[in-house]
């Protein structure tokens, strides 16, 4: 029920943006539904792949997630981004990066609903930490929107990057079932997503990697 509630809230946020910008509601709703389903399927498959010893070759355990729970957050994010890019790549009715920004905010709002339900007073308050991070990122988005003029897509990339890095450090307080090296599977997902986001941001700016880092160094020298 929480996932359904999170999806409804997320869809409402995207729909409201579509109404404001006079975008095609059909394209927005179709894209939202297929992207959501792709994300859920991807999250489930990645989780099964990284916890295969718990599922084995039993297809029923893959499907009945109420009895055999488990979803990979970053696996779902990766799958949703791939599906979104495939759906939006060939259409010109809606600006891709503006819709991407709103999808990121909708994702954060939906995640806030889900993580709020994970707050357990008798255990380490991981749910509290993640809820505070998500709420802070949503507030940051509205502050950036009202005070800073950013190119479409930039705010979405920044928010996802901050979310990924925050989850990486918070997950040090979590005990994982699967470790690769000294990091859990979700932490490796955080690292992978952060690298991909930085790569996309650099390509979006249409500058080389070396020029990107040289600009950062020049800015620091000017400030000092």
Foldseek 3Di string as FASTA:
>chain_A
DLLVVLLVQLLVLLVVVCVVVVFDPVLSVVLSVVLQVQLQLQFLVVFCVQVVVVPPPDVVLSPPCVVVPGGQNLSSVVRSVVSNCVSPVPDDRDPSLQSLQSSLLSVLSSVLSVLVVVQDVVDDRLSVQLNVLSVVLNVVLVVCVVPPDDDRNPSSLVSLLSSLVSCLVSCVPPDEPGDDPNGHPSNVSSVVSNVVSVVVVCVVVVDDPVVVVVVVVVVVVVVD
